[in-house]
Protein backbone atom coordinates (compact mmCIF):
# COMPACT_ATOMS: atom_id res chain seq x y z
CA MET A 1 0.40 0.14 -0.08
CA PRO A 2 1.58 3.79 -0.94
CA GLN A 3 2.00 5.71 1.39
CA SER A 4 0.57 9.18 2.08
CA LYS A 5 2.31 12.22 1.81
CA HIS A 6 4.32 13.26 4.75
CA ARG A 7 2.99 17.09 6.17
CA ARG A 8 5.32 19.76 6.86
CA LYS A 9 5.72 20.33 11.23
CA GLY A 10 5.25 23.88 11.89
CA LYS A 11 4.41 27.52 10.27
CA GLN A 12 1.55 26.54 7.47
CA ARG A 13 0.63 28.37 4.67
CA PRO A 14 -2.94 29.92 4.86
CA ARG A 15 -4.84 28.95 2.10
CA ALA A 16 -6.47 31.42 -0.43
CA TYR A 17 -10.48 30.92 0.94
CA GLN A 18 -9.18 31.52 4.38
CA THR A 19 -7.20 35.00 4.26
CA ALA A 20 -9.34 37.87 4.56
CA PRO A 21 -9.23 41.13 1.96
CA PRO A 22 -6.82 44.03 2.72
CA PRO A 23 -9.30 46.22 4.34
CA LYS A 24 -10.40 49.79 2.56
CA ASN A 25 -9.40 52.68 3.54
CA PRO A 26 -13.22 54.57 2.80
CA VAL A 27 -13.51 57.12 0.70
CA PRO A 28 -14.40 60.98 2.97
CA SER A 29 -18.11 61.66 2.12
CA ALA A 30 -18.39 65.38 0.43
CA PRO A 31 -18.88 68.89 3.02
CA TRP A 32 -22.24 68.72 2.17
CA VAL A 33 -23.86 65.51 3.05
CA PRO A 34 -23.78 66.31 6.65
CA ALA A 35 -25.39 69.73 6.04
CA LEU A 36 -28.36 67.86 3.72
CA GLY A 37 -28.65 65.21 6.30
CA VAL A 38 -29.01 67.81 9.42
CA GLY A 39 -30.91 70.37 7.48
CA LEU A 40 -33.63 67.20 6.05
CA LEU A 41 -33.92 66.42 9.89
CA ILE A 42 -34.24 69.95 10.89
CA GLY A 43 -36.58 70.51 8.48
CA GLY A 44 -38.91 67.38 9.35
CA VAL A 45 -39.62 69.02 12.41
CA ALA A 46 -40.57 72.15 11.06
CA ILE A 47 -43.09 70.19 8.67
CA ILE A 48 -44.65 68.62 11.49
CA LEU A 49 -44.56 71.44 13.91
CA ALA A 50 -46.15 73.60 10.84
CA GLY A 51 -48.81 71.05 10.17
CA TYR A 52 -50.37 70.54 13.85
CA LEU A 53 -50.22 74.57 14.08
CA LEU A 54 -51.41 75.85 10.74
CA LEU A 55 -54.38 74.18 10.43
CA ASP A 56 -56.73 75.55 8.37
CA GLU A 57 -59.29 74.39 5.90
CA VAL A 58 -56.99 74.28 3.07
CA ALA A 59 -54.78 71.42 5.21
CA ARG A 60 -58.52 69.96 6.07
CA ASN A 61 -60.19 69.15 3.06
CA TRP A 62 -56.87 67.54 1.25
CA PRO A 63 -58.07 64.20 -0.74
CA ILE A 64 -55.41 61.86 0.08
CA PHE A 65 -53.94 62.75 4.23
CA GLY A 66 -56.23 65.17 4.98
CA ALA A 67 -55.37 67.16 8.26
CA ASN A 68 -52.09 64.62 8.69
CA TRP A 69 -50.61 65.73 5.73
CA GLY A 70 -47.94 67.94 8.25
CA LEU A 71 -47.08 64.43 9.52
CA VAL A 72 -46.98 62.59 6.37
CA GLY A 73 -44.32 65.49 4.81
CA GLY A 74 -42.50 65.57 8.21
CA PHE A 75 -41.93 62.20 8.46
CA ALA A 76 -41.00 61.22 4.70
CA VAL A 77 -37.98 64.07 4.99
CA LEU A 78 -37.05 62.94 8.46
CA ILE A 79 -36.63 59.37 6.76
CA ALA A 80 -35.23 61.14 3.77
CA GLY A 81 -33.04 63.40 6.13
CA PHE A 82 -31.62 59.52 8.39
CA VAL A 83 -30.83 58.00 4.56
CA VAL A 84 -28.38 61.05 3.46
CA LEU A 85 -26.92 60.77 7.04
CA THR A 86 -26.03 56.79 6.52
CA ARG A 87 -23.66 57.79 3.70
CA TRP A 88 -21.62 60.00 5.75
CA ARG A 89 -18.10 59.14 6.35
């Protein structure tokens, strides 16, 4: 019966599938990204407050959201602000 090859004792080379790729340095974001994100957050809060403070007959008679247009629009702008801030590096 043939003998199997003898393995080397000591340090073994890591296999290609076992090594992690070298870490990549992320590219810093543009300076307008945090400014836009914070502006959208502040704008979303302002829209929500305006929806509560400025309720009038025009806002109550909107066909889609009725009197909740301030909440819907404000939360949409807040979500957009959070999405922009996730791109900030």
